[in-house]
Amino acid sequence: MNHILANIKKISAVSILAVVMVWSIVLSAGTVSAATINTTSLVNTSSSANWAGYVATGGTYTGVTGSWIIPTVSDTSTVGAADATWVGIGGVGTKNLIQAGTQAIVNSSGKISYQAWYELLPGYSVRLPLTVSAGDTVTVSLSQTNNNHWIINFTDNTTGQNANKTVTYASSLSSAEWI
């Protein structure tokens, strides 16, 4: 487990709401379940202008699970502005990324639209048939069931809604992210 935690790099942005994050990372060599990430012990830091979170590299990653509370977004001054939280596999140093999460988008009438979604790069995001709201606690997982076959499981723990999607996607399996 220390090996996995040593490979998790902290990504920072200008302002981050610190949240205790619990991960389940499925490795090709075994499983680490519900590993609590102590953010004070992470030493590898890099920066991004548009996202913040954690990434695990240095292994083969076939699954990731994250749970979070959907934040309330109150600034409606910029139409099209978005806030997203997601988990993903791949994408660090590669052009492939399978990801799923929640987002809040300011629509053309200045209202916030909360959505559940998944995305298979280079494709566009696809909305899942769930109604999510600010304050809901959600759990999202991506699991590779066999070569290039994935199950995306999205649960709104507050309302009890659940959506599952099976997709085919070729991933490098080179990283696991929680952004």
Foldseek 3Di string as FASTA:
>chain_A
DVVQLQQKAWEDEPDDDDDFKFKWWQFPVGTDHRDTHDVVPHDHYDYDHPDTFMKGFDGFTFKMKIKDAAADDDDLPDAFDKDWKKKWFADVVDQWIKMWTWMWGRHPVSDTAIFTWIDTPPDDIDTDPDHDDGGWMKMWMWGAPDAQKIKIWIARPVVGDIDIDIDGHHHPSGMMIID
